[in-house]
Amino acid sequence: MTPKREKALTALLNAPTIKAAAMTAGIDEKTMRGYLKDEEFRLKYNNLLDERFQDAARQSQNAMQTALDTLLEICADDGAGSMCRISACKEILSTALKLHEQCEILKRLSELENQLKEANV
């Protein structure tokens, strides 16, 4: 990949819009859109985006326990306002339900995949 395309790639990852990325990279917006149509460029861009999302997901996972601990403290704090405590409790229950549902879906999906493998489909 050329240095010009590398610069465009970096700009795309950091700018809020394609137009802003093109300006940052010192190229025309039409050129930037042309780069995005190029399979090699688009593949590298998508891989870099995936890495960023994975990093963000890891950071979120690392922060989950702190967030839960904070909500639990609020729930147990008799000095906190009742609305704060109710809100914290609702958030814990809502999140727990969503996690349970997602785990069940993943479990069922895994079971279906195994059934398909066994059936050689």
C-alpha atoms as a PDB file:
ATOM      1  CA  MET A   1       0.000   0.000   0.000  1.00  0.00           C
ATOM      2  CA  THR A   2       1.335   3.415  -0.902  1.00  0.00           C
ATOM      3  CA  PRO A   3       2.145   6.017   1.759  1.00  0.00           C
ATOM      4  CA  LYS A   4      -0.674   8.167   0.371  1.00  0.00           C
ATOM      5  CA  ARG A   5      -3.183   5.365   0.884  1.00  0.00           C
ATOM      6  CA  GLU A   6      -1.797   4.631   4.353  1.00  0.00           C
ATOM      7  CA  LYS A   7      -2.345   8.280   5.238  1.00  0.00           C
ATOM      8  CA  ALA A   8      -5.894   8.078   3.880  1.00  0.00           C
ATOM      9  CA  LEU A   9      -6.497   4.932   5.921  1.00  0.00           C
ATOM     10  CA  THR A  10      -5.306   6.580   9.123  1.00  0.00           C
ATOM     11  CA  ALA A  11      -7.428   9.639   8.398  1.00  0.00           C
ATOM     12  CA  LEU A  12     -10.509   7.466   7.821  1.00  0.00           C
ATOM     13  CA  LEU A  13     -10.021   5.759  11.158  1.00  0.00           C
ATOM     14  CA  ASN A  14      -9.790   9.048  13.017  1.00  0.00           C
ATOM     15  CA  ALA A  15     -12.055  11.483  11.187  1.00  0.00           C
ATOM     16  CA  PRO A  16     -15.816  11.739  11.771  1.00  0.00           C
ATOM     17  CA  THR A  17     -16.699  11.720   8.058  1.00  0.00           C
ATOM     18  CA  ILE A  18     -15.248  10.642   4.720  1.00  0.00           C
ATOM     19  CA  LYS A  19     -15.064  14.280   3.682  1.00  0.00           C
ATOM     20  CA  ALA A  20     -13.103  15.209   6.817  1.00  0.00           C
ATOM     21  CA  ALA A  21     -10.834  12.206   6.337  1.00  0.00           C
ATOM     22  CA  ALA A  22     -10.111  13.238   2.769  1.00  0.00           C
ATOM     23  CA  MET A  23      -9.248  16.763   3.902  1.00  0.00           C
ATOM     24  CA  THR A  24      -6.969  15.406   6.624  1.00  0.00           C
ATOM     25  CA  ALA A  25      -5.246  13.102   4.150  1.00  0.00           C
ATOM     26  CA  GLY A  26      -4.867  15.943   1.654  1.00  0.00           C
ATOM     27  CA  ILE A  27      -6.869  14.233  -1.066  1.00  0.00           C
ATOM     28  CA  ASP A  28     -10.139  14.839  -2.841  1.00  0.00           C
ATOM     29  CA  GLU A  29     -13.267  13.275  -1.374  1.00  0.00           C
ATOM     30  CA  LYS A  30     -13.863  11.499  -4.688  1.00  0.00           C
ATOM     31  CA  THR A  31     -10.395   9.934  -4.433  1.00  0.00           C
ATOM     32  CA  MET A  32     -11.136   8.765  -0.895  1.00  0.00           C
ATOM     33  CA  ARG A  33     -14.377   7.170  -2.051  1.00  0.00           C
ATOM     34  CA  GLY A  34     -12.431   5.502  -4.856  1.00  0.00           C
ATOM     35  CA  TYR A  35      -9.988   4.076  -2.297  1.00  0.00           C
ATOM     36  CA  LEU A  36     -12.938   2.645  -0.380  1.00  0.00           C
ATOM     37  CA  LYS A  37     -14.071   0.828  -3.524  1.00  0.00           C
ATOM     38  CA  ASP A  38     -10.651  -0.828  -3.814  1.00  0.00           C
ATOM     39  CA  GLU A  39     -10.854  -4.342  -2.327  1.00  0.00           C
ATOM     40  CA  GLU A  40      -7.377  -4.331  -0.716  1.00  0.00           C
ATOM     41  CA  PHE A  41      -7.892  -0.894   0.852  1.00  0.00           C
ATOM     42  CA  ARG A  42     -11.390  -1.726   2.082  1.00  0.00           C
ATOM     43  CA  LEU A  43     -10.218  -5.048   3.547  1.00  0.00           C
ATOM     44  CA  LYS A  44      -7.405  -3.367   5.466  1.00  0.00           C
ATOM     45  CA  TYR A  45      -9.769  -0.623   6.648  1.00  0.00           C
ATOM     46  CA  ASN A  46     -12.350  -3.178   7.829  1.00  0.00           C
ATOM     47  CA  ASN A  47      -9.673  -5.217   9.625  1.00  0.00           C
ATOM     48  CA  LEU A  48      -8.442  -2.110  11.444  1.00  0.00           C
ATOM     49  CA  LEU A  49     -12.011  -1.193  12.381  1.00  0.00           C
ATOM     50  CA  ASP A  50     -12.579  -4.709  13.711  1.00  0.00           C
ATOM     51  CA  GLU A  51      -9.446  -4.378  15.856  1.00  0.00           C
ATOM     52  CA  ARG A  52     -10.738  -1.117  17.286  1.00  0.00           C
ATOM     53  CA  PHE A  53     -14.110  -2.649  18.110  1.00  0.00           C
ATOM     54  CA  GLN A  54     -12.415  -5.622  19.748  1.00  0.00           C
ATOM     55  CA  ASP A  55     -10.267  -3.258  21.828  1.00  0.00           C
ATOM     56  CA  ALA A  56     -13.351  -1.312  22.874  1.00  0.00           C
ATOM     57  CA  ALA A  57     -15.158  -4.543  23.748  1.00  0.00           C
ATOM     58  CA  ARG A  58     -12.225  -5.674  25.919  1.00  0.00           C
ATOM     59  CA  GLN A  59     -12.177  -2.310  27.700  1.00  0.00           C
ATOM     60  CA  SER A  60     -15.920  -2.551  28.289  1.00  0.00           C
ATOM     61  CA  GLN A  61     -15.579  -6.066  29.670  1.00  0.00           C
ATOM     62  CA  ASN A  62     -12.833  -4.906  32.015  1.00  0.00           C
ATOM     63  CA  ALA A  63     -15.038  -2.071  33.276  1.00  0.00           C
ATOM     64  CA  MET A  64     -18.113  -4.250  33.838  1.00  0.00           C
ATOM     65  CA  GLN A  65     -17.173  -5.376  37.331  1.00  0.00           C
ATOM     66  CA  THR A  66     -16.476  -1.808  38.450  1.00  0.00           C
ATOM     67  CA  ALA A  67     -19.817  -0.687  37.045  1.00  0.00           C
ATOM     68  CA  LEU A  68     -21.653  -3.544  38.731  1.00  0.00           C
ATOM     69  CA  ASP A  69     -19.894  -2.883  42.043  1.00  0.00           C
ATOM     70  CA  THR A  70     -20.913   0.779  41.825  1.00  0.00           C
ATOM     71  CA  LEU A  71     -24.539  -0.102  41.124  1.00  0.00           C
ATOM     72  CA  LEU A  72     -24.556  -2.588  44.002  1.00  0.00           C
ATOM     73  CA  GLU A  73     -23.161   0.070  46.346  1.00  0.00           C
ATOM     74  CA  ILE A  74     -25.936   2.453  45.317  1.00  0.00           C
ATOM     75  CA  CYS A  75     -28.568  -0.257  45.868  1.00  0.00           C
ATOM     76  CA  ALA A  76     -27.255  -0.928  49.363  1.00  0.00           C
ATOM     77  CA  ASP A  77     -26.702   2.721  50.327  1.00  0.00           C
ATOM     78  CA  ASP A  78     -29.517   3.739  52.682  1.00  0.00           C
ATOM     79  CA  GLY A  79     -28.302   7.323  52.342  1.00  0.00           C
ATOM     80  CA  ALA A  80     -28.889   7.384  48.603  1.00  0.00           C
ATOM     81  CA  GLY A  81     -32.213   8.679  47.393  1.00  0.00           C
ATOM     82  CA  SER A  82     -34.864   6.083  46.768  1.00  0.00           C
ATOM     83  CA  MET A  83     -35.028   6.947  43.067  1.00  0.00           C
ATOM     84  CA  CYS A  84     -31.262   6.420  42.720  1.00  0.00           C
ATOM     85  CA  ARG A  85     -31.520   3.060  44.453  1.00  0.00           C
ATOM     86  CA  ILE A  86     -34.498   1.998  42.342  1.00  0.00           C
ATOM     87  CA  SER A  87     -32.720   3.069  39.170  1.00  0.00           C
ATOM     88  CA  ALA A  88     -29.577   1.131  40.121  1.00  0.00           C
ATOM     89  CA  CYS A  89     -31.641  -1.963  40.950  1.00  0.00           C
ATOM     90  CA  LYS A  90     -33.528  -1.736  37.654  1.00  0.00           C
ATOM     91  CA  GLU A  91     -30.264  -1.443  35.742  1.00  0.00           C
ATOM     92  CA  ILE A  92     -28.804  -4.515  37.435  1.00  0.00           C
ATOM     93  CA  LEU A  93     -31.931  -6.565  36.806  1.00  0.00           C
ATOM     94  CA  SER A  94     -32.253  -5.399  33.215  1.00  0.00           C
ATOM     95  CA  THR A  95     -28.621  -6.130  32.418  1.00  0.00           C
ATOM     96  CA  ALA A  96     -28.766  -9.534  34.106  1.00  0.00           C
ATOM     97  CA  LEU A  97     -31.843 -10.451  32.061  1.00  0.00           C
ATOM     98  CA  LYS A  98     -30.183  -9.369  28.806  1.00  0.00           C
ATOM     99  CA  LEU A  99     -27.043 -11.350  29.614  1.00  0.00           C
ATOM    100  CA  HIS A 100     -29.120 -14.415  30.448  1.00  0.00           C
ATOM    101  CA  GLU A 101     -31.063 -14.125  27.194  1.00  0.00           C
ATOM    102  CA  GLN A 102     -27.875 -13.718  25.166  1.00  0.00           C
ATOM    103  CA  CYS A 103     -26.284 -16.737  26.844  1.00  0.00           C
ATOM    104  CA  GLU A 104     -29.379 -18.801  26.072  1.00  0.00           C
ATOM    105  CA  ILE A 105     -29.337 -17.692  22.440  1.00  0.00           C
ATOM    106  CA  LEU A 106     -25.649 -18.547  22.117  1.00  0.00           C
ATOM    107  CA  LYS A 107     -26.262 -21.939  23.733  1.00  0.00           C
ATOM    108  CA  ARG A 108     -29.116 -22.701  21.336  1.00  0.00           C
ATOM    109  CA  LEU A 109     -27.084 -21.507  18.361  1.00  0.00           C
ATOM    110  CA  SER A 110     -24.226 -23.778  19.372  1.00  0.00           C
ATOM    111  CA  GLU A 111     -26.616 -26.707  19.716  1.00  0.00           C
ATOM    112  CA  LEU A 112     -28.055 -26.018  16.250  1.00  0.00           C
ATOM    113  CA  GLU A 113     -24.574 -25.789  14.749  1.00  0.00           C
ATOM    114  CA  ASN A 114     -23.677 -29.133  16.317  1.00  0.00           C
ATOM    115  CA  GLN A 115     -26.870 -30.704  14.961  1.00  0.00           C
ATOM    116  CA  LEU A 116     -26.052 -29.405  11.478  1.00  0.00           C
ATOM    117  CA  LYS A 117     -22.522 -30.802  11.703  1.00  0.00           C
ATOM    118  CA  GLU A 118     -23.871 -34.191  12.777  1.00  0.00           C
ATOM    119  CA  ALA A 119     -26.361 -34.153   9.909  1.00  0.00           C
ATOM    120  CA  ASN A 120     -23.548 -33.148   7.495  1.00  0.00           C
ATOM    121  CA  VAL A 121     -25.555 -30.214   6.201  1.00  0.00           C
END
